[in-house]
Amino acid sequence: MSRTLKFEFTGLEELNEALKKAENSYPEGVKRYMRSAGNAFKKDVIAKTEALTKKDSGKLVAGYKSELVTTYFADKAVEAQISGGNKKAHHFHLVENGHEGYVYRNGKLYYIGFVPGKYMMKKTVDEWDSGQKLIPFAVKAINYALRKGGLD
C-alpha cells in the first residue's frame, strides 16, 4: 500500500524577485538608519559633555562631527564615525583623556598637576556598546529593505 503526495508551489518566482529587491535595497536602508543612529549617538555625546564639563562646552560640542564611512570588506559595509575635535575644538582629546595642567601667574608658568579626563565619548560608547540603543535602528533598516521588496 503506497501513498503518493503531490505538492504544488505557486508564487515562488514572485517571492524570489521580492527577496532580490529586498536584498538590493538593504544597503540603502543601512545607510539611512546608520546616519540616524550616528546622529542619535552624537546627541548622547553632546548631552554627556554638557553634563560632565563645568564650563560652557559650546566650542567643544561644536567640534563633534558624525559621518558615514563606507568600508569594503568581502562586501560593502557601512559604519557611522563620530569624531570630536576639529578647528573649533582642537582640545577635545585633552578634555576626554586628561592632561597635565599649567597656569600663568605674574608672568611665570606654574604646574598645577594632572587634570583628570571627563571621558564623555568613552562613557557614551560604553552605554551604546550593549547594543540595546542600536537594535531599533537595525530593525528599521531591515524593515525598510523588506518594505522595498514588497515583503512587509
C-alpha atoms as a PDB file:
ATOM      1  CA  MET A   1       0.000   0.000   0.000  1.00  0.00           C
ATOM      2  CA  SER A   2       1.783   3.089  -1.173  1.00  0.00           C
ATOM      3  CA  ARG A   3       0.620   6.629  -0.924  1.00  0.00           C
ATOM      4  CA  THR A   4       1.666   9.405  -3.152  1.00  0.00           C
ATOM      5  CA  LEU A   5       1.658  13.007  -2.017  1.00  0.00           C
ATOM      6  CA  LYS A   6       1.790  15.749  -4.547  1.00  0.00           C
ATOM      7  CA  PHE A   7       2.714  19.358  -3.718  1.00  0.00           C
ATOM      8  CA  GLU A   8       2.401  22.295  -5.994  1.00  0.00           C
ATOM      9  CA  PHE A   9       4.001  25.626  -5.142  1.00  0.00           C
ATOM     10  CA  THR A  10       2.896  28.793  -6.817  1.00  0.00           C
ATOM     11  CA  GLY A  11       4.391  32.230  -6.436  1.00  0.00           C
ATOM     12  CA  LEU A  12       7.984  31.137  -5.863  1.00  0.00           C
ATOM     13  CA  GLU A  13       9.196  33.316  -8.718  1.00  0.00           C
ATOM     14  CA  GLU A  14       7.470  36.367  -7.233  1.00  0.00           C
ATOM     15  CA  LEU A  15       8.910  35.578  -3.813  1.00  0.00           C
ATOM     16  CA  ASN A  16      12.370  35.216  -5.321  1.00  0.00           C
ATOM     17  CA  GLU A  17      12.036  38.600  -7.078  1.00  0.00           C
ATOM     18  CA  ALA A  18      10.796  40.251  -3.885  1.00  0.00           C
ATOM     19  CA  LEU A  19      13.732  38.826  -1.922  1.00  0.00           C
ATOM     20  CA  LYS A  20      16.147  40.136  -4.559  1.00  0.00           C
ATOM     21  CA  LYS A  21      14.579  43.603  -4.336  1.00  0.00           C
ATOM     22  CA  ALA A  22      14.868  43.488  -0.557  1.00  0.00           C
ATOM     23  CA  GLU A  23      18.488  42.388  -0.791  1.00  0.00           C
ATOM     24  CA  ASN A  24      19.327  45.180  -3.237  1.00  0.00           C
ATOM     25  CA  SER A  25      17.636  47.866  -1.127  1.00  0.00           C
ATOM     26  CA  TYR A  26      19.232  46.724   2.143  1.00  0.00           C
ATOM     27  CA  PRO A  27      22.457  48.802   1.760  1.00  0.00           C
ATOM     28  CA  GLU A  28      20.389  51.967   1.256  1.00  0.00           C
ATOM     29  CA  GLY A  29      18.354  51.132   4.352  1.00  0.00           C
ATOM     30  CA  VAL A  30      21.515  50.558   6.344  1.00  0.00           C
ATOM     31  CA  LYS A  31      22.938  53.909   5.222  1.00  0.00           C
ATOM     32  CA  ARG A  32      19.729  55.701   6.107  1.00  0.00           C
ATOM     33  CA  TYR A  33      19.419  54.240   9.575  1.00  0.00           C
ATOM     34  CA  MET A  34      23.143  54.283  10.371  1.00  0.00           C
ATOM     35  CA  ARG A  35      23.015  58.014   9.705  1.00  0.00           C
ATOM     36  CA  SER A  36      20.107  58.233  12.157  1.00  0.00           C
ATOM     37  CA  ALA A  37      21.982  56.116  14.699  1.00  0.00           C
ATOM     38  CA  GLY A  38      25.088  58.295  14.296  1.00  0.00           C
ATOM     39  CA  ASN A  39      23.062  61.433  14.921  1.00  0.00           C
ATOM     40  CA  ALA A  40      21.406  59.885  17.992  1.00  0.00           C
ATOM     41  CA  PHE A  41      24.832  58.850  19.296  1.00  0.00           C
ATOM     42  CA  LYS A  42      26.136  62.371  18.694  1.00  0.00           C
ATOM     43  CA  LYS A  43      23.203  63.814  20.683  1.00  0.00           C
ATOM     44  CA  ASP A  44      24.039  61.454  23.552  1.00  0.00           C
ATOM     45  CA  VAL A  45      27.702  62.536  23.470  1.00  0.00           C
ATOM     46  CA  ILE A  46      26.672  66.200  23.489  1.00  0.00           C
ATOM     47  CA  ALA A  47      24.364  65.631  26.461  1.00  0.00           C
ATOM     48  CA  LYS A  48      27.118  63.746  28.302  1.00  0.00           C
ATOM     49  CA  THR A  49      29.628  66.523  27.500  1.00  0.00           C
ATOM     50  CA  GLU A  50      27.322  69.217  28.833  1.00  0.00           C
ATOM     51  CA  ALA A  51      26.669  67.177  31.984  1.00  0.00           C
ATOM     52  CA  LEU A  52      30.326  66.380  32.705  1.00  0.00           C
ATOM     53  CA  THR A  53      32.069  69.654  31.890  1.00  0.00           C
ATOM     54  CA  LYS A  54      31.864  72.636  34.233  1.00  0.00           C
ATOM     55  CA  LYS A  55      32.252  75.492  31.776  1.00  0.00           C
ATOM     56  CA  ASP A  56      30.240  76.328  28.697  1.00  0.00           C
ATOM     57  CA  SER A  57      31.049  73.495  26.317  1.00  0.00           C
ATOM     58  CA  GLY A  58      29.889  75.282  23.162  1.00  0.00           C
ATOM     59  CA  LYS A  59      33.159  75.081  21.244  1.00  0.00           C
ATOM     60  CA  LEU A  60      33.777  71.532  22.419  1.00  0.00           C
ATOM     61  CA  VAL A  61      30.298  70.430  21.352  1.00  0.00           C
ATOM     62  CA  ALA A  62      30.570  72.294  18.039  1.00  0.00           C
ATOM     63  CA  GLY A  63      33.591  70.146  17.228  1.00  0.00           C
ATOM     64  CA  TYR A  64      31.613  66.896  17.232  1.00  0.00           C
ATOM     65  CA  LYS A  65      31.056  65.565  13.750  1.00  0.00           C
ATOM     66  CA  SER A  66      29.222  62.481  12.534  1.00  0.00           C
ATOM     67  CA  GLU A  67      29.654  60.988   9.088  1.00  0.00           C
ATOM     68  CA  LEU A  68      29.101  57.744   7.243  1.00  0.00           C
ATOM     69  CA  VAL A  69      32.169  55.822   6.209  1.00  0.00           C
ATOM     70  CA  THR A  70      31.933  53.026   3.640  1.00  0.00           C
ATOM     71  CA  THR A  71      34.361  50.230   4.350  1.00  0.00           C
ATOM     72  CA  TYR A  72      34.945  47.480   1.818  1.00  0.00           C
ATOM     73  CA  PHE A  73      35.487  44.082   3.360  1.00  0.00           C
ATOM     74  CA  ALA A  74      34.293  40.989   1.493  1.00  0.00           C
ATOM     75  CA  ASP A  75      31.225  43.029   0.618  1.00  0.00           C
ATOM     76  CA  LYS A  76      30.217  46.613   1.243  1.00  0.00           C
ATOM     77  CA  ALA A  77      29.827  47.612   4.873  1.00  0.00           C
ATOM     78  CA  VAL A  78      28.703  50.974   6.222  1.00  0.00           C
ATOM     79  CA  GLU A  79      29.682  52.361   9.583  1.00  0.00           C
ATOM     80  CA  ALA A  80      28.995  55.645  11.337  1.00  0.00           C
ATOM     81  CA  GLN A  81      32.023  57.525  12.531  1.00  0.00           C
ATOM     82  CA  ILE A  82      31.774  60.105  15.302  1.00  0.00           C
ATOM     83  CA  SER A  83      34.763  62.320  15.868  1.00  0.00           C
ATOM     84  CA  GLY A  84      35.444  65.017  18.384  1.00  0.00           C
ATOM     85  CA  GLY A  85      37.829  67.808  17.791  1.00  0.00           C
ATOM     86  CA  ASN A  86      38.420  69.897  14.724  1.00  0.00           C
ATOM     87  CA  LYS A  87      39.401  73.533  14.217  1.00  0.00           C
ATOM     88  CA  LYS A  88      36.702  74.593  16.684  1.00  0.00           C
ATOM     89  CA  ALA A  89      37.655  72.083  19.394  1.00  0.00           C
ATOM     90  CA  HIS A  90      41.256  71.035  18.916  1.00  0.00           C
ATOM     91  CA  HIS A  91      41.463  70.462  22.689  1.00  0.00           C
ATOM     92  CA  PHE A  92      38.852  67.661  22.687  1.00  0.00           C
ATOM     93  CA  HIS A  93      41.379  64.905  23.397  1.00  0.00           C
ATOM     94  CA  LEU A  94      42.673  66.816  26.430  1.00  0.00           C
ATOM     95  CA  VAL A  95      39.228  67.094  27.983  1.00  0.00           C
ATOM     96  CA  GLU A  96      38.394  63.482  27.089  1.00  0.00           C
ATOM     97  CA  ASN A  97      41.589  61.815  28.337  1.00  0.00           C
ATOM     98  CA  GLY A  98      43.019  64.296  30.847  1.00  0.00           C
ATOM     99  CA  HIS A  99      46.217  66.322  30.718  1.00  0.00           C
ATOM    100  CA  GLU A 100      48.950  67.986  32.719  1.00  0.00           C
ATOM    101  CA  GLY A 101      47.711  71.363  33.942  1.00  0.00           C
ATOM    102  CA  TYR A 102      49.698  74.596  33.849  1.00  0.00           C
ATOM    103  CA  VAL A 103      48.759  78.208  34.623  1.00  0.00           C
ATOM    104  CA  TYR A 104      50.467  81.537  34.066  1.00  0.00           C
ATOM    105  CA  ARG A 105      50.649  83.835  37.095  1.00  0.00           C
ATOM    106  CA  ASN A 106      52.654  87.006  37.247  1.00  0.00           C
ATOM    107  CA  GLY A 107      54.440  86.101  34.039  1.00  0.00           C
ATOM    108  CA  LYS A 108      55.554  82.687  35.319  1.00  0.00           C
ATOM    109  CA  LEU A 109      54.383  79.217  34.337  1.00  0.00           C
ATOM    110  CA  TYR A 110      53.232  77.016  37.243  1.00  0.00           C
ATOM    111  CA  TYR A 111      52.448  73.319  37.200  1.00  0.00           C
ATOM    112  CA  ILE A 112      49.098  72.624  38.897  1.00  0.00           C
ATOM    113  CA  GLY A 113      49.052  68.841  38.493  1.00  0.00           C
ATOM    114  CA  PHE A 114      47.194  66.338  36.380  1.00  0.00           C
ATOM    115  CA  VAL A 115      43.672  67.290  35.299  1.00  0.00           C
ATOM    116  CA  PRO A 116      41.666  64.052  35.001  1.00  0.00           C
ATOM    117  CA  GLY A 117      39.714  63.314  31.834  1.00  0.00           C
ATOM    118  CA  LYS A 118      35.938  63.555  31.617  1.00  0.00           C
ATOM    119  CA  TYR A 119      35.593  60.550  29.241  1.00  0.00           C
ATOM    120  CA  MET A 120      32.401  61.847  27.617  1.00  0.00           C
ATOM    121  CA  MET A 121      32.915  59.804  24.451  1.00  0.00           C
ATOM    122  CA  LYS A 122      34.054  56.663  26.284  1.00  0.00           C
ATOM    123  CA  LYS A 123      31.058  56.712  28.631  1.00  0.00           C
ATOM    124  CA  THR A 124      28.654  57.134  25.726  1.00  0.00           C
ATOM    125  CA  VAL A 125      30.335  54.311  23.805  1.00  0.00           C
ATOM    126  CA  ASP A 126      30.001  52.086  26.881  1.00  0.00           C
ATOM    127  CA  GLU A 127      26.268  52.864  27.038  1.00  0.00           C
ATOM    128  CA  TRP A 128      25.809  52.044  23.343  1.00  0.00           C
ATOM    129  CA  ASP A 129      28.118  49.024  23.427  1.00  0.00           C
ATOM    130  CA  SER A 130      25.447  46.706  24.810  1.00  0.00           C
ATOM    131  CA  GLY A 131      23.592  47.131  21.521  1.00  0.00           C
ATOM    132  CA  GLN A 132      20.275  47.966  23.154  1.00  0.00           C
ATOM    133  CA  LYS A 133      20.289  51.503  21.743  1.00  0.00           C
ATOM    134  CA  LEU A 134      21.375  50.301  18.307  1.00  0.00           C
ATOM    135  CA  ILE A 135      18.829  47.475  17.916  1.00  0.00           C
ATOM    136  CA  PRO A 136      15.890  49.764  16.974  1.00  0.00           C
ATOM    137  CA  PHE A 137      17.945  51.258  14.134  1.00  0.00           C
ATOM    138  CA  ALA A 138      18.881  47.786  12.846  1.00  0.00           C
ATOM    139  CA  VAL A 139      15.226  46.703  12.944  1.00  0.00           C
ATOM    140  CA  LYS A 140      14.236  49.828  10.983  1.00  0.00           C
ATOM    141  CA  ALA A 141      16.907  49.065   8.352  1.00  0.00           C
ATOM    142  CA  ILE A 142      15.628  45.505   7.937  1.00  0.00           C
ATOM    143  CA  ASN A 143      12.006  46.662   7.781  1.00  0.00           C
ATOM    144  CA  TYR A 144      12.969  49.259   5.164  1.00  0.00           C
ATOM    145  CA  ALA A 145      14.519  46.561   2.959  1.00  0.00           C
ATOM    146  CA  LEU A 146      11.515  44.274   3.378  1.00  0.00           C
ATOM    147  CA  ARG A 147       9.135  47.130   2.584  1.00  0.00           C
ATOM    148  CA  LYS A 148      11.098  47.972  -0.593  1.00  0.00           C
ATOM    149  CA  GLY A 149      10.911  44.327  -1.613  1.00  0.00           C
ATOM    150  CA  GLY A 150       7.162  44.245  -1.002  1.00  0.00           C
ATOM    151  CA  LEU A 151       7.510  41.770   1.868  1.00  0.00           C
ATOM    152  CA  ASP A 152       6.061  43.886   4.672  1.00  0.00           C
END
